[in-house]
Each structure stands twice: as structure tokens, then as C-alpha cells.
Amino acid sequence: MTDLWAIEQEVYESGYTLVCGVDEAGRGPLAGPVCAAACILPRALVIPGLDDSKKLTPQKREALYDVILEKAVASGIAFAEVEEIERLNILNATYLAMNRAVAQLSPQPELALIDGNRTEGIDVPCRCIVKGDAKCADIAAASVLAKVTRDRYMCEMAKLYPRYGFEKHKGYGTAAHYAALRQFGPSPIHRPSFLRRMH
């Protein structure tokens, strides 16, 4: 078990007093928005079971989601819609969602720790942490908030567009999803630029 607070501890010791973690869910799917979350946890708060959202079961993520929202100093969750993904490209749309999520935080952080290896589109002082969702408590918390929020959204979309099985794959390119696309064509929430890669 890595110490999820080691990175934040170093950051706090270097003089920062308020740090948030930022992560996204839904960069890769063929359908639906990208969702980003920003989270400021109380310093050194231990949330049992908190980890990179990809390593957790959906039930565990749902349970952690409520705990994180309850205990966080501040949290923000935001989307960039399919039209924005198409207009800006997925990387810039991800930055847009991240900036929207951070903008919701009150108080505002002095430094944002961003999961990944690129931060050129982020509006606030930030630092990237590769695989941050597995190394960093604030990013792990943000990853859970983003993933649960997006999964819930895609389950709602499954009721509107029941042919595609969004409740199962959340818009990712599974065999069943590709089969539905071949049979029915795209829905209004599919990303045209991602579908061009199908052929």
C-alpha cells in the first residue's frame, strides 16, 4: 500500500496550505461527455479503501463517493459536453472540464495536483502527477467523484437511448457497443470524431 499522503505532505511542507487533486473520467469512450472532479480533502484524512477509481468495484466507488463528498473541505464536478469535445478535441475539452471543476472550489486552492503528464490547459497553478490517482489522496478522491458522476450520467443516457447498452459499458468501445453502432448508427451523444476511427 503506497502512502497516499506522501506527495501532498511534501507539497504542504514546501509552504502550500491548500492543495486540490484533479482527475477526469471518460476521455476514451465513443459516447458521452468527459467528466472532471477537483477535491480538497482535510490534510492527512484517511478514508479506508480509497484508491485509484479504476481499481475499485462500482459498489465500492459508490460508497466512497458519499464519504468523500461528506468529508471534503471542498469539491467540484464538471462536464465538457460532446459538442465541446468535437469543437476543441478531447484533450482541450478535458482541460475545460478540469478548469470548471476547480472553479467550483471554495476556498480556491493554491496548487492543483493533476493526474497525468500534461497541464498546459489548466488555468490555476498546478503540477502533474503521473499515475496520481494511485499515489495521491486528493487525486484518488477526485477520480472516484468523476467516475461515479459520469457512470451515473451514462446510466441515465441508457434510458434515453436504450439500444446501445450504455448502462453496461458507459460509452466505451466494447464489442457489443460497436455491434449496436453498426446496427443503429450513432446516437446524439456519440462523438463523431471518435467514430471515424471505427472503419
N, C-alpha and C. Protein backbone atom coordinates (compact mmCIF):
# COMPACT_ATOMS: atom_id res chain seq x y z
N MET A 1 0.86 -1.20 0.00
CA MET A 1 0.00 0.00 0.00
C MET A 1 0.89 1.24 0.00
N THR A 2 0.75 2.06 -1.04
CA THR A 2 1.53 3.29 -1.06
C THR A 2 0.92 4.28 -0.08
N ASP A 3 1.76 5.15 0.42
CA ASP A 3 1.25 6.19 1.30
C ASP A 3 0.59 7.26 0.43
N LEU A 4 -0.74 7.30 0.47
CA LEU A 4 -1.48 8.21 -0.40
C LEU A 4 -1.25 9.67 -0.04
N TRP A 5 -0.67 9.93 1.13
CA TRP A 5 -0.46 11.33 1.51
C TRP A 5 0.97 11.80 1.32
N ALA A 6 1.87 10.91 0.86
CA ALA A 6 3.29 11.29 0.81
C ALA A 6 3.52 12.51 -0.09
N ILE A 7 2.89 12.53 -1.27
CA ILE A 7 3.12 13.64 -2.22
C ILE A 7 2.55 14.93 -1.65
N GLU A 8 1.30 14.87 -1.17
CA GLU A 8 0.71 16.09 -0.59
C GLU A 8 1.51 16.59 0.60
N GLN A 9 2.02 15.65 1.40
CA GLN A 9 2.81 16.03 2.58
C GLN A 9 4.02 16.87 2.15
N GLU A 10 4.70 16.40 1.09
CA GLU A 10 5.85 17.15 0.58
C GLU A 10 5.43 18.54 0.10
N VAL A 11 4.29 18.58 -0.59
CA VAL A 11 3.80 19.86 -1.12
C VAL A 11 3.47 20.81 0.03
N TYR A 12 2.79 20.29 1.05
CA TYR A 12 2.45 21.13 2.20
C TYR A 12 3.71 21.61 2.92
N GLU A 13 4.70 20.71 3.02
CA GLU A 13 5.94 21.08 3.72
C GLU A 13 6.73 22.14 2.95
N SER A 14 6.47 22.20 1.63
CA SER A 14 7.19 23.22 0.84
C SER A 14 6.52 24.59 0.95
N GLY A 15 5.42 24.69 1.73
CA GLY A 15 4.86 26.01 2.01
C GLY A 15 3.43 26.25 1.56
N TYR A 16 2.87 25.32 0.78
CA TYR A 16 1.47 25.48 0.38
C TYR A 16 0.56 25.13 1.55
N THR A 17 -0.60 25.78 1.63
CA THR A 17 -1.54 25.44 2.69
C THR A 17 -2.83 24.83 2.16
N LEU A 18 -3.14 25.04 0.87
CA LEU A 18 -4.39 24.50 0.33
C LEU A 18 -4.13 23.91 -1.05
N VAL A 19 -4.30 22.60 -1.15
CA VAL A 19 -3.97 21.87 -2.37
C VAL A 19 -5.18 21.04 -2.78
N CYS A 20 -5.47 20.99 -4.07
CA CYS A 20 -6.55 20.10 -4.52
C CYS A 20 -6.00 19.05 -5.46
N GLY A 21 -6.73 17.95 -5.59
CA GLY A 21 -6.44 16.94 -6.59
C GLY A 21 -7.47 17.03 -7.70
N VAL A 22 -7.05 16.77 -8.93
CA VAL A 22 -7.95 16.84 -10.09
C VAL A 22 -7.78 15.60 -10.95
N ASP A 23 -8.88 15.02 -11.37
CA ASP A 23 -8.81 13.87 -12.28
C ASP A 23 -10.03 13.89 -13.18
N GLU A 24 -9.97 13.08 -14.24
CA GLU A 24 -11.10 13.01 -15.17
C GLU A 24 -11.54 11.57 -15.37
N ALA A 25 -12.74 11.43 -15.88
CA ALA A 25 -13.25 10.13 -16.31
C ALA A 25 -13.90 10.34 -17.67
N GLY A 26 -13.67 9.40 -18.57
CA GLY A 26 -14.37 9.46 -19.85
C GLY A 26 -13.59 10.12 -20.96
N ARG A 27 -12.28 10.03 -20.92
CA ARG A 27 -11.51 10.59 -22.03
C ARG A 27 -11.59 9.67 -23.26
N GLY A 28 -11.71 8.36 -23.00
CA GLY A 28 -11.61 7.41 -24.10
C GLY A 28 -12.90 6.92 -24.75
N PRO A 29 -14.07 7.07 -24.14
CA PRO A 29 -15.28 6.47 -24.71
C PRO A 29 -15.69 7.06 -26.07
N LEU A 30 -16.55 6.32 -26.75
CA LEU A 30 -17.09 6.75 -28.04
C LEU A 30 -18.29 7.67 -27.86
N ALA A 31 -18.85 7.71 -26.65
CA ALA A 31 -20.08 8.45 -26.42
C ALA A 31 -20.05 9.13 -25.06
N GLY A 32 -20.81 10.22 -24.96
CA GLY A 32 -20.98 10.90 -23.68
C GLY A 32 -19.91 11.93 -23.42
N PRO A 33 -20.14 12.74 -22.39
CA PRO A 33 -19.21 13.82 -22.05
C PRO A 33 -17.98 13.29 -21.33
N VAL A 34 -16.99 14.15 -21.18
CA VAL A 34 -15.88 13.87 -20.27
C VAL A 34 -16.21 14.59 -18.96
N CYS A 35 -15.91 13.94 -17.85
CA CYS A 35 -16.24 14.49 -16.54
C CYS A 35 -14.95 14.69 -15.76
N ALA A 36 -14.83 15.82 -15.09
CA ALA A 36 -13.66 16.07 -14.24
C ALA A 36 -14.13 16.42 -12.84
N ALA A 37 -13.30 16.10 -11.87
CA ALA A 37 -13.60 16.47 -10.49
C ALA A 37 -12.34 17.04 -9.85
N ALA A 38 -12.57 17.97 -8.92
CA ALA A 38 -11.49 18.54 -8.12
C ALA A 38 -11.89 18.38 -6.67
N CYS A 39 -10.91 18.06 -5.83
CA CYS A 39 -11.24 17.74 -4.44
C CYS A 39 -10.14 18.22 -3.51
N ILE A 40 -10.55 18.86 -2.43
CA ILE A 40 -9.62 19.21 -1.34
C ILE A 40 -10.06 18.40 -0.12
N LEU A 41 -9.23 17.45 0.27
CA LEU A 41 -9.52 16.68 1.48
C LEU A 41 -8.84 17.35 2.68
N PRO A 42 -9.40 17.16 3.88
CA PRO A 42 -8.67 17.61 5.07
C PRO A 42 -7.30 16.93 5.11
N ARG A 43 -6.29 17.65 5.52
CA ARG A 43 -4.93 17.11 5.49
C ARG A 43 -4.80 15.81 6.26
N ALA A 44 -4.21 14.82 5.57
CA ALA A 44 -3.89 13.51 6.17
C ALA A 44 -5.13 12.72 6.58
N LEU A 45 -6.30 13.12 6.08
CA LEU A 45 -7.51 12.34 6.35
C LEU A 45 -7.36 10.95 5.73
N VAL A 46 -7.61 9.92 6.51
CA VAL A 46 -7.58 8.56 5.98
C VAL A 46 -9.01 8.12 5.68
N ILE A 47 -9.26 7.81 4.41
CA ILE A 47 -10.56 7.25 4.02
C ILE A 47 -10.31 5.78 3.68
N PRO A 48 -10.76 4.85 4.52
CA PRO A 48 -10.47 3.44 4.29
C PRO A 48 -10.95 3.01 2.90
N GLY A 49 -10.05 2.34 2.17
CA GLY A 49 -10.42 1.82 0.86
C GLY A 49 -10.20 2.78 -0.29
N LEU A 50 -9.82 4.03 0.01
CA LEU A 50 -9.62 4.99 -1.08
C LEU A 50 -8.45 4.57 -1.95
N ASP A 51 -8.67 4.55 -3.26
CA ASP A 51 -7.63 4.13 -4.21
C ASP A 51 -8.03 4.68 -5.57
N ASP A 52 -7.16 4.46 -6.54
CA ASP A 52 -7.48 4.79 -7.92
C ASP A 52 -8.84 4.18 -8.26
N SER A 53 -9.76 5.01 -8.79
CA SER A 53 -11.14 4.53 -9.02
C SER A 53 -11.19 3.32 -9.95
N LYS A 54 -10.20 3.20 -10.85
CA LYS A 54 -10.22 2.08 -11.80
C LYS A 54 -9.99 0.75 -11.08
N LYS A 55 -9.39 0.79 -9.89
CA LYS A 55 -9.12 -0.46 -9.17
C LYS A 55 -10.27 -0.87 -8.25
N LEU A 56 -11.29 -0.02 -8.16
CA LEU A 56 -12.38 -0.27 -7.21
C LEU A 56 -13.60 -0.83 -7.92
N THR A 57 -14.39 -1.63 -7.20
CA THR A 57 -15.65 -2.11 -7.78
C THR A 57 -16.63 -0.93 -7.82
N PRO A 58 -17.63 -1.01 -8.71
CA PRO A 58 -18.64 0.05 -8.75
C PRO A 58 -19.31 0.28 -7.39
N GLN A 59 -19.56 -0.79 -6.65
CA GLN A 59 -20.21 -0.65 -5.33
C GLN A 59 -19.30 0.12 -4.37
N LYS A 60 -18.02 -0.21 -4.41
CA LYS A 60 -17.05 0.46 -3.53
C LYS A 60 -16.93 1.94 -3.90
N ARG A 61 -16.90 2.21 -5.21
CA ARG A 61 -16.83 3.62 -5.65
C ARG A 61 -18.05 4.39 -5.17
N GLU A 62 -19.22 3.80 -5.29
CA GLU A 62 -20.46 4.48 -4.86
C GLU A 62 -20.40 4.80 -3.36
N ALA A 63 -19.92 3.84 -2.57
CA ALA A 63 -19.84 4.05 -1.12
C ALA A 63 -18.83 5.16 -0.81
N LEU A 64 -17.68 5.13 -1.48
CA LEU A 64 -16.65 6.14 -1.24
C LEU A 64 -17.11 7.53 -1.68
N TYR A 65 -17.89 7.58 -2.75
CA TYR A 65 -18.39 8.85 -3.30
C TYR A 65 -19.07 9.67 -2.20
N ASP A 66 -19.96 9.02 -1.46
CA ASP A 66 -20.69 9.72 -0.40
C ASP A 66 -19.76 10.17 0.73
N VAL A 67 -18.80 9.30 1.08
CA VAL A 67 -17.85 9.63 2.17
C VAL A 67 -16.99 10.83 1.76
N ILE A 68 -16.52 10.81 0.52
CA ILE A 68 -15.65 11.90 0.04
C ILE A 68 -16.41 13.23 0.05
N LEU A 69 -17.64 13.22 -0.48
CA LEU A 69 -18.41 14.47 -0.51
C LEU A 69 -18.68 15.00 0.90
N GLU A 70 -18.89 14.08 1.81
CA GLU A 70 -19.20 14.46 3.19
C GLU A 70 -17.97 15.05 3.89
N LYS A 71 -16.79 14.48 3.62
CA LYS A 71 -15.59 14.85 4.39
C LYS A 71 -14.73 15.91 3.72
N ALA A 72 -14.91 16.11 2.42
CA ALA A 72 -14.03 17.04 1.70
C ALA A 72 -14.22 18.47 2.22
N VAL A 73 -13.11 19.21 2.24
CA VAL A 73 -13.17 20.65 2.53
C VAL A 73 -13.96 21.34 1.42
N ALA A 74 -13.69 20.91 0.18
CA ALA A 74 -14.40 21.44 -0.99
C ALA A 74 -14.28 20.43 -2.12
N SER A 75 -15.30 20.41 -2.97
CA SER A 75 -15.21 19.55 -4.15
C SER A 75 -15.99 20.20 -5.29
N GLY A 76 -15.57 19.90 -6.49
CA GLY A 76 -16.26 20.41 -7.68
C GLY A 76 -16.28 19.31 -8.73
N ILE A 77 -17.39 19.22 -9.46
CA ILE A 77 -17.53 18.20 -10.51
C ILE A 77 -18.13 18.89 -11.73
N ALA A 78 -17.53 18.67 -12.90
CA ALA A 78 -18.00 19.37 -14.09
C ALA A 78 -17.82 18.50 -15.34
N PHE A 79 -18.61 18.81 -16.35
CA PHE A 79 -18.54 18.11 -17.63
C PHE A 79 -18.01 19.03 -18.73
N ALA A 80 -17.46 18.41 -19.76
CA ALA A 80 -17.37 19.05 -21.07
C ALA A 80 -18.20 18.16 -22.00
N GLU A 81 -19.15 18.78 -22.69
CA GLU A 81 -20.13 18.02 -23.48
C GLU A 81 -19.54 17.54 -24.80
N VAL A 82 -20.28 16.65 -25.45
CA VAL A 82 -19.83 16.08 -26.72
C VAL A 82 -19.53 17.18 -27.74
N GLU A 83 -20.39 18.22 -27.81
CA GLU A 83 -20.14 19.30 -28.79
C GLU A 83 -18.81 19.98 -28.51
N GLU A 84 -18.48 20.12 -27.21
CA GLU A 84 -17.21 20.76 -26.85
C GLU A 84 -16.02 19.86 -27.17
N ILE A 85 -16.21 18.55 -26.98
CA ILE A 85 -15.16 17.58 -27.34
C ILE A 85 -14.88 17.68 -28.85
N GLU A 86 -15.97 17.77 -29.62
CA GLU A 86 -15.82 17.83 -31.08
C GLU A 86 -15.16 19.15 -31.52
N ARG A 87 -15.52 20.23 -30.85
CA ARG A 87 -15.01 21.54 -31.25
C ARG A 87 -13.55 21.74 -30.82
N LEU A 88 -13.22 21.25 -29.62
CA LEU A 88 -11.92 21.60 -29.03
C LEU A 88 -10.89 20.49 -29.14
N ASN A 89 -11.31 19.27 -29.34
CA ASN A 89 -10.61 17.98 -29.25
C ASN A 89 -10.65 17.49 -27.80
N ILE A 90 -10.40 16.21 -27.60
CA ILE A 90 -10.65 15.60 -26.29
C ILE A 90 -9.70 16.15 -25.22
N LEU A 91 -8.45 16.43 -25.59
CA LEU A 91 -7.51 16.93 -24.58
C LEU A 91 -7.96 18.30 -24.07
N ASN A 92 -8.27 19.21 -24.99
CA ASN A 92 -8.69 20.56 -24.57
C ASN A 92 -10.04 20.54 -23.86
N ALA A 93 -10.93 19.63 -24.27
CA ALA A 93 -12.21 19.50 -23.58
C ALA A 93 -12.00 18.99 -22.15
N THR A 94 -11.01 18.11 -21.98
CA THR A 94 -10.68 17.61 -20.64
C THR A 94 -10.19 18.76 -19.76
N TYR A 95 -9.31 19.61 -20.31
CA TYR A 95 -8.85 20.78 -19.55
C TYR A 95 -10.03 21.69 -19.18
N LEU A 96 -10.96 21.87 -20.13
CA LEU A 96 -12.13 22.71 -19.88
C LEU A 96 -12.92 22.17 -18.69
N ALA A 97 -13.17 20.86 -18.69
CA ALA A 97 -13.91 20.24 -17.59
C ALA A 97 -13.14 20.39 -16.28
N MET A 98 -11.81 20.19 -16.33
CA MET A 98 -10.99 20.33 -15.13
C MET A 98 -11.04 21.77 -14.59
N ASN A 99 -10.91 22.74 -15.49
CA ASN A 99 -10.97 24.14 -15.05
C ASN A 99 -12.33 24.47 -14.44
N ARG A 100 -13.39 23.94 -15.03
CA ARG A 100 -14.73 24.17 -14.46
C ARG A 100 -14.85 23.55 -13.07
N ALA A 101 -14.29 22.36 -12.90
CA ALA A 101 -14.37 21.70 -11.59
C ALA A 101 -13.59 22.49 -10.54
N VAL A 102 -12.37 22.92 -10.89
CA VAL A 102 -11.55 23.68 -9.94
C VAL A 102 -12.23 25.01 -9.60
N ALA A 103 -12.86 25.63 -10.60
CA ALA A 103 -13.52 26.93 -10.37
C ALA A 103 -14.64 26.84 -9.34
N GLN A 104 -15.21 25.64 -9.17
CA GLN A 104 -16.29 25.45 -8.20
C GLN A 104 -15.78 25.39 -6.75
N LEU A 105 -14.47 25.21 -6.58
CA LEU A 105 -13.94 25.01 -5.23
C LEU A 105 -13.97 26.32 -4.43
N SER A 106 -14.45 26.21 -3.23
CA SER A 106 -14.39 27.33 -2.30
C SER A 106 -14.06 26.78 -0.92
N PRO A 107 -12.90 27.11 -0.37
CA PRO A 107 -11.91 28.06 -0.87
C PRO A 107 -11.17 27.56 -2.11
N GLN A 108 -10.55 28.49 -2.85
CA GLN A 108 -9.76 28.13 -4.03
C GLN A 108 -8.38 27.62 -3.60
N PRO A 109 -7.89 26.56 -4.22
CA PRO A 109 -6.56 26.02 -3.86
C PRO A 109 -5.43 26.89 -4.38
N GLU A 110 -4.31 26.81 -3.70
CA GLU A 110 -3.10 27.50 -4.18
C GLU A 110 -2.41 26.67 -5.26
N LEU A 111 -2.63 25.37 -5.21
CA LEU A 111 -1.97 24.47 -6.16
C LEU A 111 -2.91 23.32 -6.47
N ALA A 112 -3.00 22.99 -7.76
CA ALA A 112 -3.79 21.82 -8.17
C ALA A 112 -2.83 20.71 -8.59
N LEU A 113 -3.05 19.52 -8.04
CA LEU A 113 -2.29 18.34 -8.46
C LEU A 113 -3.14 17.61 -9.49
N ILE A 114 -2.62 17.51 -10.71
CA ILE A 114 -3.40 16.99 -11.83
C ILE A 114 -2.91 15.59 -12.17
N ASP A 115 -3.85 14.65 -12.31
CA ASP A 115 -3.45 13.31 -12.72
C ASP A 115 -3.01 13.34 -14.18
N GLY A 116 -1.86 12.74 -14.47
CA GLY A 116 -1.40 12.66 -15.85
C GLY A 116 -0.07 13.36 -16.05
N ASN A 117 0.25 13.62 -17.32
CA ASN A 117 1.58 14.16 -17.63
C ASN A 117 1.54 15.47 -18.40
N ARG A 118 0.34 16.08 -18.52
CA ARG A 118 0.24 17.35 -19.25
C ARG A 118 -0.72 18.28 -18.52
N THR A 119 -0.35 19.54 -18.43
CA THR A 119 -1.22 20.50 -17.73
C THR A 119 -1.28 21.85 -18.45
N GLU A 120 -0.90 21.88 -19.74
CA GLU A 120 -0.76 23.21 -20.35
C GLU A 120 -2.09 23.97 -20.46
N GLY A 121 -3.22 23.26 -20.36
CA GLY A 121 -4.50 23.96 -20.49
C GLY A 121 -5.16 24.31 -19.16
N ILE A 122 -4.44 24.15 -18.06
CA ILE A 122 -5.05 24.37 -16.74
C ILE A 122 -4.82 25.83 -16.31
N ASP A 123 -5.90 26.45 -15.82
CA ASP A 123 -5.88 27.90 -15.52
C ASP A 123 -5.23 28.27 -14.19
N VAL A 124 -5.05 27.32 -13.30
CA VAL A 124 -4.53 27.63 -11.96
C VAL A 124 -3.12 27.05 -11.82
N PRO A 125 -2.32 27.53 -10.85
CA PRO A 125 -1.01 26.92 -10.62
C PRO A 125 -1.18 25.42 -10.39
N CYS A 126 -0.39 24.63 -11.08
CA CYS A 126 -0.61 23.18 -10.97
C CYS A 126 0.68 22.41 -11.21
N ARG A 127 0.58 21.14 -10.90
CA ARG A 127 1.71 20.23 -11.05
C ARG A 127 1.11 18.91 -11.52
N CYS A 128 1.75 18.26 -12.49
CA CYS A 128 1.16 16.97 -12.88
C CYS A 128 1.84 15.83 -12.13
N ILE A 129 1.02 14.83 -11.81
CA ILE A 129 1.48 13.64 -11.09
C ILE A 129 1.08 12.43 -11.95
N VAL A 130 2.07 11.80 -12.56
CA VAL A 130 1.77 10.63 -13.39
C VAL A 130 1.27 9.50 -12.50
N LYS A 131 0.19 8.87 -12.90
CA LYS A 131 -0.50 7.84 -12.09
C LYS A 131 -0.88 8.40 -10.71
N GLY A 132 -1.24 9.66 -10.70
CA GLY A 132 -1.56 10.33 -9.45
C GLY A 132 -2.74 9.73 -8.72
N ASP A 133 -3.67 9.13 -9.50
CA ASP A 133 -4.86 8.56 -8.84
C ASP A 133 -4.51 7.37 -7.96
N ALA A 134 -3.32 6.80 -8.14
CA ALA A 134 -2.89 5.70 -7.27
C ALA A 134 -1.86 6.14 -6.23
N LYS A 135 -1.41 7.40 -6.31
CA LYS A 135 -0.32 7.87 -5.44
C LYS A 135 -0.74 8.98 -4.50
N CYS A 136 -1.87 9.58 -4.72
CA CYS A 136 -2.17 10.87 -4.15
C CYS A 136 -3.63 10.89 -3.67
N ALA A 137 -3.84 11.12 -2.38
CA ALA A 137 -5.19 11.01 -1.81
C ALA A 137 -6.18 11.96 -2.48
N ASP A 138 -5.79 13.22 -2.69
CA ASP A 138 -6.72 14.18 -3.27
C ASP A 138 -7.09 13.80 -4.71
N ILE A 139 -6.11 13.29 -5.46
CA ILE A 139 -6.41 12.88 -6.83
C ILE A 139 -7.26 11.61 -6.83
N ALA A 140 -6.94 10.67 -5.94
CA ALA A 140 -7.75 9.44 -5.84
C ALA A 140 -9.20 9.79 -5.54
N ALA A 141 -9.40 10.74 -4.62
CA ALA A 141 -10.76 11.17 -4.28
C ALA A 141 -11.44 11.80 -5.49
N ALA A 142 -10.72 12.65 -6.22
CA ALA A 142 -11.28 13.28 -7.42
C ALA A 142 -11.62 12.22 -8.47
N SER A 143 -10.77 11.19 -8.58
CA SER A 143 -11.03 10.14 -9.58
C SER A 143 -12.33 9.40 -9.28
N VAL A 144 -12.60 9.18 -8.00
CA VAL A 144 -13.85 8.50 -7.61
C VAL A 144 -15.05 9.40 -7.93
N LEU A 145 -14.96 10.68 -7.58
CA LEU A 145 -16.07 11.60 -7.85
C LEU A 145 -16.36 11.69 -9.35
N ALA A 146 -15.31 11.79 -10.16
CA ALA A 146 -15.51 11.92 -11.61
C ALA A 146 -16.10 10.65 -12.20
N LYS A 147 -15.56 9.50 -11.79
CA LYS A 147 -16.01 8.22 -12.36
C LYS A 147 -17.46 7.93 -11.97
N VAL A 148 -17.80 8.09 -10.72
CA VAL A 148 -19.17 7.80 -10.27
C VAL A 148 -20.16 8.74 -10.95
N THR A 149 -19.81 10.03 -11.03
CA THR A 149 -20.70 11.01 -11.65
C THR A 149 -20.94 10.67 -13.11
N ARG A 150 -19.86 10.34 -13.82
CA ARG A 150 -20.02 10.04 -15.25
C ARG A 150 -20.78 8.73 -15.45
N ASP A 151 -20.48 7.72 -14.64
CA ASP A 151 -21.21 6.45 -14.77
C ASP A 151 -22.70 6.64 -14.53
N ARG A 152 -23.05 7.44 -13.54
CA ARG A 152 -24.47 7.70 -13.27
C ARG A 152 -25.11 8.41 -14.46
N TYR A 153 -24.38 9.36 -15.03
CA TYR A 153 -24.89 10.10 -16.19
C TYR A 153 -25.15 9.13 -17.36
N MET A 154 -24.19 8.23 -17.60
CA MET A 154 -24.35 7.30 -18.72
C MET A 154 -25.49 6.32 -18.48
N CYS A 155 -25.76 5.98 -17.23
CA CYS A 155 -26.92 5.12 -16.92
C CYS A 155 -28.22 5.86 -17.21
N GLU A 156 -28.24 7.17 -16.96
CA GLU A 156 -29.41 7.97 -17.34
C GLU A 156 -29.57 8.01 -18.86
N MET A 157 -28.45 8.17 -19.56
CA MET A 157 -28.50 8.20 -21.03
C MET A 157 -28.97 6.86 -21.60
N ALA A 158 -28.69 5.78 -20.88
CA ALA A 158 -29.13 4.45 -21.33
C ALA A 158 -30.66 4.39 -21.39
N LYS A 159 -31.34 5.15 -20.53
CA LYS A 159 -32.81 5.16 -20.56
C LYS A 159 -33.31 5.92 -21.79
N LEU A 160 -32.57 6.97 -22.17
CA LEU A 160 -32.95 7.75 -23.36
C LEU A 160 -32.63 7.01 -24.65
N TYR A 161 -31.51 6.33 -24.65
CA TYR A 161 -31.02 5.63 -25.86
C TYR A 161 -30.76 4.17 -25.53
N PRO A 162 -31.83 3.40 -25.32
CA PRO A 162 -31.65 2.04 -24.77
C PRO A 162 -30.97 1.05 -25.70
N ARG A 163 -30.84 1.38 -26.99
CA ARG A 163 -30.29 0.39 -27.94
C ARG A 163 -28.80 0.11 -27.74
N TYR A 164 -28.10 1.01 -27.05
CA TYR A 164 -26.63 0.93 -27.08
C TYR A 164 -26.01 0.23 -25.88
N GLY A 165 -26.79 0.00 -24.83
CA GLY A 165 -26.21 -0.66 -23.65
C GLY A 165 -25.28 0.21 -22.84
N PHE A 166 -25.53 1.54 -22.84
CA PHE A 166 -24.64 2.46 -22.10
C PHE A 166 -24.51 2.09 -20.62
N GLU A 167 -25.58 1.50 -20.06
CA GLU A 167 -25.51 1.17 -18.62
C GLU A 167 -24.45 0.10 -18.36
N LYS A 168 -24.10 -0.66 -19.39
CA LYS A 168 -23.08 -1.72 -19.21
C LYS A 168 -21.67 -1.18 -19.44
N HIS A 169 -21.46 -0.51 -20.58
CA HIS A 169 -20.08 -0.13 -20.95
C HIS A 169 -19.79 1.36 -20.78
N LYS A 170 -20.80 2.15 -20.41
CA LYS A 170 -20.64 3.59 -20.15
C LYS A 170 -20.08 4.36 -21.35
N GLY A 171 -20.30 3.81 -22.54
CA GLY A 171 -19.86 4.52 -23.74
C GLY A 171 -18.53 4.06 -24.30
N TYR A 172 -17.82 3.19 -23.56
CA TYR A 172 -16.54 2.68 -24.07
C TYR A 172 -16.77 1.73 -25.23
N GLY A 173 -15.71 1.53 -26.02
CA GLY A 173 -15.84 0.78 -27.27
C GLY A 173 -15.77 -0.73 -27.09
N THR A 174 -16.79 -1.31 -26.51
CA THR A 174 -16.85 -2.77 -26.38
C THR A 174 -17.40 -3.38 -27.67
N ALA A 175 -17.26 -4.69 -27.78
CA ALA A 175 -17.78 -5.39 -28.96
C ALA A 175 -19.28 -5.16 -29.11
N ALA A 176 -20.01 -5.24 -28.00
CA ALA A 176 -21.47 -5.04 -28.05
C ALA A 176 -21.81 -3.61 -28.48
N HIS A 177 -21.01 -2.67 -28.02
CA HIS A 177 -21.24 -1.26 -28.40
C HIS A 177 -21.01 -1.05 -29.89
N TYR A 178 -19.92 -1.61 -30.40
CA TYR A 178 -19.65 -1.49 -31.85
C TYR A 178 -20.75 -2.17 -32.67
N ALA A 179 -21.22 -3.31 -32.18
CA ALA A 179 -22.30 -4.02 -32.89
C ALA A 179 -23.56 -3.16 -32.94
N ALA A 180 -23.90 -2.51 -31.82
CA ALA A 180 -25.08 -1.63 -31.78
C ALA A 180 -24.90 -0.44 -32.73
N LEU A 181 -23.70 0.10 -32.78
CA LEU A 181 -23.44 1.22 -33.70
C LEU A 181 -23.60 0.80 -35.16
N ARG A 182 -23.11 -0.40 -35.47
CA ARG A 182 -23.26 -0.88 -36.86
C ARG A 182 -24.73 -1.08 -37.19
N GLN A 183 -25.50 -1.55 -36.22
CA GLN A 183 -26.91 -1.83 -36.46
C GLN A 183 -27.77 -0.57 -36.51
N PHE A 184 -27.51 0.37 -35.57
CA PHE A 184 -28.43 1.50 -35.40
C PHE A 184 -27.84 2.85 -35.80
N GLY A 185 -26.52 2.89 -36.06
CA GLY A 185 -25.88 4.19 -36.28
C GLY A 185 -25.71 4.92 -34.95
N PRO A 186 -25.08 6.10 -34.99
CA PRO A 186 -24.79 6.80 -33.74
C PRO A 186 -26.02 7.50 -33.15
N SER A 187 -25.97 7.71 -31.84
CA SER A 187 -26.98 8.49 -31.13
C SER A 187 -26.51 9.95 -31.07
N PRO A 188 -27.37 10.85 -30.58
CA PRO A 188 -26.93 12.24 -30.43
C PRO A 188 -25.79 12.44 -29.42
N ILE A 189 -25.54 11.45 -28.56
CA ILE A 189 -24.43 11.66 -27.61
C ILE A 189 -23.16 10.91 -28.00
N HIS A 190 -23.14 10.36 -29.21
CA HIS A 190 -21.87 9.78 -29.68
C HIS A 190 -20.94 10.90 -30.16
N ARG A 191 -19.64 10.62 -30.10
CA ARG A 191 -18.62 11.59 -30.50
C ARG A 191 -18.21 11.29 -31.94
N PRO A 192 -18.66 12.10 -32.91
CA PRO A 192 -18.35 11.78 -34.31
C PRO A 192 -16.87 11.58 -34.58
N SER A 193 -16.00 12.40 -33.97
CA SER A 193 -14.57 12.28 -34.25
C SER A 193 -14.00 10.95 -33.76
N PHE A 194 -14.63 10.36 -32.74
CA PHE A 194 -14.16 9.05 -32.24
C PHE A 194 -14.67 7.93 -33.14
N LEU A 195 -15.84 8.13 -33.75
CA LEU A 195 -16.42 7.08 -34.58
C LEU A 195 -15.69 6.94 -35.91
N ARG A 196 -15.03 8.01 -36.33
CA ARG A 196 -14.29 7.93 -37.59
C ARG A 196 -13.19 6.87 -37.51
N ARG A 197 -12.78 6.57 -36.30
CA ARG A 197 -11.70 5.56 -36.13
C ARG A 197 -12.23 4.14 -36.27
N MET A 198 -13.56 4.00 -36.37
CA MET A 198 -14.13 2.64 -36.39
C MET A 198 -13.80 1.87 -37.66
N HIS A 199 -13.71 2.60 -38.77
CA HIS A 199 -13.68 1.89 -40.05
C HIS A 199 -12.30 1.37 -40.37
